[in-house]
Amino acid sequence: MVLRYLTTGSIRISSLPVLAQALKELEDLLIRDKQTVTRSPSTSSQAKKRGSANTTEPYKRTRYWQYASDRKAAFAELYQFCFMLAKPPLVFMHH
């Protein structure tokens, strides 16, 4: 999940400070169980219907909102990612 979150290009992060913000928001959502970030007016459904440009969001939060809609599944995916990341590589010994 985290790897997919960072590599899909769907979040459109343009700088390291914005990347840090995105990771902090994901941590707050999934690890610290804090409330979701507040949606800006430009990302509300009414603004989308009007065709307003997204000018106030630091990055595209579509995936963040998907994770927020099912935190339990998102956390399970994060847990699995961390487990696979920490798991030592399989090494075959030849005699």
N, C-alpha and C. Protein backbone atom coordinates (compact mmCIF):
# COMPACT_ATOMS: atom_id res chain seq x y z
N MET A 1 0.82 -1.19 0.00
CA MET A 1 0.00 0.00 0.00
C MET A 1 0.86 1.24 0.00
N VAL A 2 1.78 1.35 0.96
CA VAL A 2 2.61 2.55 1.01
C VAL A 2 3.41 2.67 -0.27
N LEU A 3 4.02 1.55 -0.69
CA LEU A 3 4.79 1.59 -1.92
C LEU A 3 3.90 1.98 -3.09
N ARG A 4 2.73 1.38 -3.18
CA ARG A 4 1.80 1.72 -4.25
C ARG A 4 1.37 3.18 -4.10
N TYR A 5 1.17 3.61 -2.88
CA TYR A 5 0.77 4.99 -2.60
C TYR A 5 1.80 5.96 -3.15
N LEU A 6 3.06 5.60 -3.03
CA LEU A 6 4.13 6.51 -3.45
C LEU A 6 4.51 6.37 -4.91
N THR A 7 4.27 5.22 -5.51
CA THR A 7 4.80 4.99 -6.85
C THR A 7 3.78 5.08 -7.97
N THR A 8 2.52 5.19 -7.66
CA THR A 8 1.53 5.19 -8.73
C THR A 8 1.49 6.48 -9.51
N GLY A 9 1.99 7.55 -8.94
CA GLY A 9 1.90 8.83 -9.62
C GLY A 9 0.53 9.46 -9.44
N SER A 10 -0.37 8.74 -8.81
CA SER A 10 -1.73 9.24 -8.67
C SER A 10 -1.84 10.33 -7.61
N ILE A 11 -0.81 10.51 -6.79
CA ILE A 11 -0.91 11.54 -5.76
C ILE A 11 -0.22 12.84 -6.16
N ARG A 12 0.54 12.80 -7.22
CA ARG A 12 1.16 13.99 -7.80
C ARG A 12 1.92 14.85 -6.78
N ILE A 13 2.95 14.27 -6.22
CA ILE A 13 3.79 14.97 -5.26
C ILE A 13 4.95 15.60 -6.01
N SER A 14 5.17 16.88 -5.74
CA SER A 14 6.17 17.61 -6.51
C SER A 14 7.41 18.01 -5.72
N SER A 15 7.42 17.75 -4.41
CA SER A 15 8.58 18.15 -3.62
C SER A 15 8.69 17.28 -2.37
N LEU A 16 9.85 17.30 -1.75
CA LEU A 16 10.05 16.52 -0.53
C LEU A 16 9.18 16.98 0.63
N PRO A 17 8.99 18.29 0.83
CA PRO A 17 8.08 18.70 1.91
C PRO A 17 6.65 18.18 1.71
N VAL A 18 6.18 18.13 0.49
CA VAL A 18 4.84 17.61 0.22
C VAL A 18 4.81 16.10 0.44
N LEU A 19 5.89 15.41 0.08
CA LEU A 19 5.99 13.97 0.35
C LEU A 19 5.94 13.72 1.86
N ALA A 20 6.67 14.52 2.62
CA ALA A 20 6.65 14.38 4.08
C ALA A 20 5.24 14.61 4.62
N GLN A 21 4.54 15.58 4.08
CA GLN A 21 3.18 15.86 4.51
C GLN A 21 2.26 14.68 4.20
N ALA A 22 2.38 14.12 3.01
CA ALA A 22 1.54 12.99 2.61
C ALA A 22 1.78 11.78 3.52
N LEU A 23 3.04 11.50 3.82
CA LEU A 23 3.36 10.38 4.71
C LEU A 23 2.87 10.62 6.13
N LYS A 24 2.99 11.85 6.60
CA LYS A 24 2.50 12.20 7.93
C LYS A 24 0.99 12.02 8.01
N GLU A 25 0.28 12.46 6.99
CA GLU A 25 -1.17 12.31 6.97
C GLU A 25 -1.57 10.84 6.92
N LEU A 26 -0.83 10.03 6.18
CA LEU A 26 -1.10 8.60 6.12
C LEU A 26 -0.82 7.94 7.47
N GLU A 27 0.27 8.34 8.11
CA GLU A 27 0.59 7.82 9.44
C GLU A 27 -0.50 8.20 10.44
N ASP A 28 -0.92 9.46 10.42
CA ASP A 28 -1.96 9.90 11.34
C ASP A 28 -3.26 9.12 11.12
N LEU A 29 -3.57 8.84 9.89
CA LEU A 29 -4.80 8.13 9.56
C LEU A 29 -4.75 6.67 10.00
N LEU A 30 -3.68 5.97 9.62
CA LEU A 30 -3.63 4.52 9.82
C LEU A 30 -2.97 4.07 11.10
N ILE A 31 -1.99 4.80 11.58
CA ILE A 31 -1.25 4.37 12.77
C ILE A 31 -1.77 5.04 14.03
N ARG A 32 -1.98 6.33 13.94
CA ARG A 32 -2.39 7.10 15.12
C ARG A 32 -3.91 7.22 15.26
N ASP A 33 -4.64 6.72 14.26
CA ASP A 33 -6.11 6.70 14.28
C ASP A 33 -6.71 8.09 14.52
N LYS A 34 -6.09 9.10 13.92
CA LYS A 34 -6.62 10.45 14.02
C LYS A 34 -7.71 10.66 12.97
N GLN A 35 -8.43 11.74 13.12
CA GLN A 35 -9.45 12.08 12.14
C GLN A 35 -8.81 12.40 10.81
N THR A 36 -9.59 12.24 9.74
CA THR A 36 -9.07 12.55 8.41
C THR A 36 -8.80 14.04 8.29
N VAL A 37 -7.92 14.39 7.37
CA VAL A 37 -7.68 15.80 7.11
C VAL A 37 -8.97 16.40 6.56
N THR A 38 -9.12 17.68 6.72
CA THR A 38 -10.31 18.36 6.25
C THR A 38 -10.24 18.55 4.75
N ARG A 39 -11.31 18.21 4.09
CA ARG A 39 -11.37 18.42 2.64
C ARG A 39 -11.45 19.90 2.36
N SER A 40 -10.67 20.34 1.40
CA SER A 40 -10.74 21.75 1.02
C SER A 40 -11.99 21.96 0.17
N PRO A 41 -12.51 23.18 0.12
CA PRO A 41 -13.71 23.44 -0.67
C PRO A 41 -13.57 23.05 -2.14
N SER A 42 -12.37 23.15 -2.69
CA SER A 42 -12.20 22.83 -4.10
C SER A 42 -12.29 21.34 -4.39
N THR A 43 -12.19 20.50 -3.34
CA THR A 43 -12.30 19.06 -3.58
C THR A 43 -13.67 18.52 -3.20
N SER A 44 -14.56 19.38 -2.77
CA SER A 44 -15.91 18.90 -2.44
C SER A 44 -16.63 18.49 -3.70
N SER A 45 -17.65 17.68 -3.55
CA SER A 45 -18.39 17.20 -4.72
C SER A 45 -19.04 18.36 -5.47
N GLN A 46 -19.48 19.39 -4.76
CA GLN A 46 -20.10 20.52 -5.43
C GLN A 46 -19.07 21.28 -6.27
N ALA A 47 -17.86 21.43 -5.75
CA ALA A 47 -16.82 22.11 -6.51
C ALA A 47 -16.44 21.31 -7.74
N LYS A 48 -16.43 19.97 -7.60
CA LYS A 48 -16.11 19.13 -8.76
C LYS A 48 -17.18 19.27 -9.83
N LYS A 49 -18.44 19.34 -9.39
CA LYS A 49 -19.53 19.51 -10.36
C LYS A 49 -19.42 20.83 -11.10
N ARG A 50 -18.93 21.84 -10.40
CA ARG A 50 -18.77 23.16 -11.04
C ARG A 50 -17.53 23.20 -11.92
N GLY A 51 -16.68 22.20 -11.80
CA GLY A 51 -15.47 22.17 -12.61
C GLY A 51 -14.36 23.03 -12.07
N SER A 52 -14.38 23.30 -10.77
CA SER A 52 -13.35 24.14 -10.16
C SER A 52 -12.00 23.44 -10.21
N ALA A 53 -10.98 24.22 -10.41
CA ALA A 53 -9.62 23.66 -10.42
C ALA A 53 -9.19 23.38 -8.98
N ASN A 54 -8.40 22.36 -8.81
CA ASN A 54 -7.89 21.98 -7.50
C ASN A 54 -6.62 22.79 -7.24
N THR A 55 -6.77 23.92 -6.55
CA THR A 55 -5.62 24.79 -6.33
C THR A 55 -5.17 24.83 -4.88
N THR A 56 -5.94 24.27 -3.95
CA THR A 56 -5.57 24.38 -2.55
C THR A 56 -4.98 23.10 -1.99
N GLU A 57 -5.05 22.00 -2.68
CA GLU A 57 -4.50 20.74 -2.19
C GLU A 57 -3.01 20.66 -2.52
N PRO A 58 -2.19 20.27 -1.53
CA PRO A 58 -0.75 20.15 -1.80
C PRO A 58 -0.41 18.96 -2.70
N TYR A 59 -1.28 17.96 -2.69
CA TYR A 59 -1.14 16.78 -3.55
C TYR A 59 -2.53 16.21 -3.78
N LYS A 60 -2.64 15.33 -4.73
CA LYS A 60 -3.93 14.72 -5.03
C LYS A 60 -4.24 13.66 -3.97
N ARG A 61 -5.29 13.85 -3.22
CA ARG A 61 -5.60 12.98 -2.08
C ARG A 61 -6.63 11.89 -2.39
N THR A 62 -6.86 11.58 -3.63
CA THR A 62 -7.85 10.56 -3.98
C THR A 62 -7.58 9.25 -3.27
N ARG A 63 -6.35 8.78 -3.30
CA ARG A 63 -6.01 7.51 -2.64
C ARG A 63 -6.13 7.63 -1.12
N TYR A 64 -5.77 8.78 -0.58
CA TYR A 64 -5.93 9.02 0.86
C TYR A 64 -7.40 8.83 1.26
N TRP A 65 -8.30 9.38 0.47
CA TRP A 65 -9.73 9.26 0.79
C TRP A 65 -10.19 7.80 0.65
N GLN A 66 -9.60 7.06 -0.26
CA GLN A 66 -9.93 5.64 -0.38
C GLN A 66 -9.49 4.90 0.88
N TYR A 67 -8.30 5.19 1.36
CA TYR A 67 -7.82 4.56 2.59
C TYR A 67 -8.68 4.98 3.78
N ALA A 68 -9.09 6.23 3.81
CA ALA A 68 -9.92 6.73 4.91
C ALA A 68 -11.28 6.04 4.93
N SER A 69 -11.77 5.64 3.77
CA SER A 69 -13.10 5.02 3.71
C SER A 69 -13.09 3.59 4.27
N ASP A 70 -11.92 2.95 4.30
CA ASP A 70 -11.82 1.61 4.88
C ASP A 70 -10.46 1.48 5.57
N ARG A 71 -10.38 2.08 6.72
CA ARG A 71 -9.11 2.12 7.46
C ARG A 71 -8.61 0.73 7.83
N LYS A 72 -9.51 -0.16 8.17
CA LYS A 72 -9.11 -1.50 8.59
C LYS A 72 -8.39 -2.23 7.45
N ALA A 73 -8.95 -2.17 6.25
CA ALA A 73 -8.31 -2.81 5.09
C ALA A 73 -7.00 -2.12 4.74
N ALA A 74 -6.98 -0.80 4.84
CA ALA A 74 -5.77 -0.05 4.52
C ALA A 74 -4.66 -0.38 5.52
N PHE A 75 -5.03 -0.50 6.81
CA PHE A 75 -4.03 -0.85 7.82
C PHE A 75 -3.50 -2.26 7.58
N ALA A 76 -4.38 -3.19 7.22
CA ALA A 76 -3.95 -4.56 6.93
C ALA A 76 -2.96 -4.57 5.77
N GLU A 77 -3.22 -3.76 4.77
CA GLU A 77 -2.31 -3.67 3.63
C GLU A 77 -0.98 -3.07 4.05
N LEU A 78 -1.01 -2.05 4.90
CA LEU A 78 0.22 -1.44 5.41
C LEU A 78 1.01 -2.46 6.24
N TYR A 79 0.33 -3.20 7.08
CA TYR A 79 0.97 -4.22 7.91
C TYR A 79 1.67 -5.25 7.04
N GLN A 80 0.97 -5.72 6.01
CA GLN A 80 1.55 -6.71 5.10
C GLN A 80 2.78 -6.14 4.39
N PHE A 81 2.70 -4.90 3.96
CA PHE A 81 3.84 -4.25 3.31
C PHE A 81 5.03 -4.20 4.25
N CYS A 82 4.81 -3.77 5.49
CA CYS A 82 5.91 -3.67 6.46
C CYS A 82 6.49 -5.05 6.78
N PHE A 83 5.64 -6.05 6.88
CA PHE A 83 6.10 -7.41 7.14
C PHE A 83 7.01 -7.89 6.01
N MET A 84 6.59 -7.68 4.78
CA MET A 84 7.40 -8.11 3.64
C MET A 84 8.70 -7.30 3.54
N LEU A 85 8.65 -6.05 3.93
CA LEU A 85 9.83 -5.20 3.90
C LEU A 85 10.86 -5.68 4.93
N ALA A 86 10.39 -6.10 6.10
CA ALA A 86 11.28 -6.51 7.18
C ALA A 86 11.74 -7.96 7.06
N LYS A 87 11.03 -8.74 6.29
CA LYS A 87 11.35 -10.16 6.14
C LYS A 87 12.70 -10.31 5.44
N PRO A 88 13.60 -11.10 6.03
CA PRO A 88 14.90 -11.29 5.37
C PRO A 88 14.73 -12.03 4.04
N PRO A 89 15.59 -11.74 3.10
CA PRO A 89 15.47 -12.43 1.80
C PRO A 89 15.75 -13.92 1.97
N LEU A 90 15.13 -14.70 1.13
CA LEU A 90 15.31 -16.14 1.14
C LEU A 90 16.65 -16.45 0.48
N VAL A 91 17.51 -17.14 1.21
CA VAL A 91 18.85 -17.47 0.70
C VAL A 91 18.98 -18.98 0.66
N PHE A 92 19.36 -19.48 -0.50
CA PHE A 92 19.57 -20.92 -0.65
C PHE A 92 21.04 -21.23 -0.44
N MET A 93 21.28 -22.23 0.36
CA MET A 93 22.66 -22.65 0.63
C MET A 93 22.95 -23.87 -0.26
N HIS A 94 24.02 -23.78 -1.03
CA HIS A 94 24.45 -24.91 -1.84
C HIS A 94 25.63 -25.59 -1.15
N HIS A 95 25.55 -26.90 -1.07
CA HIS A 95 26.64 -27.64 -0.41
C HIS A 95 27.63 -28.10 -1.42
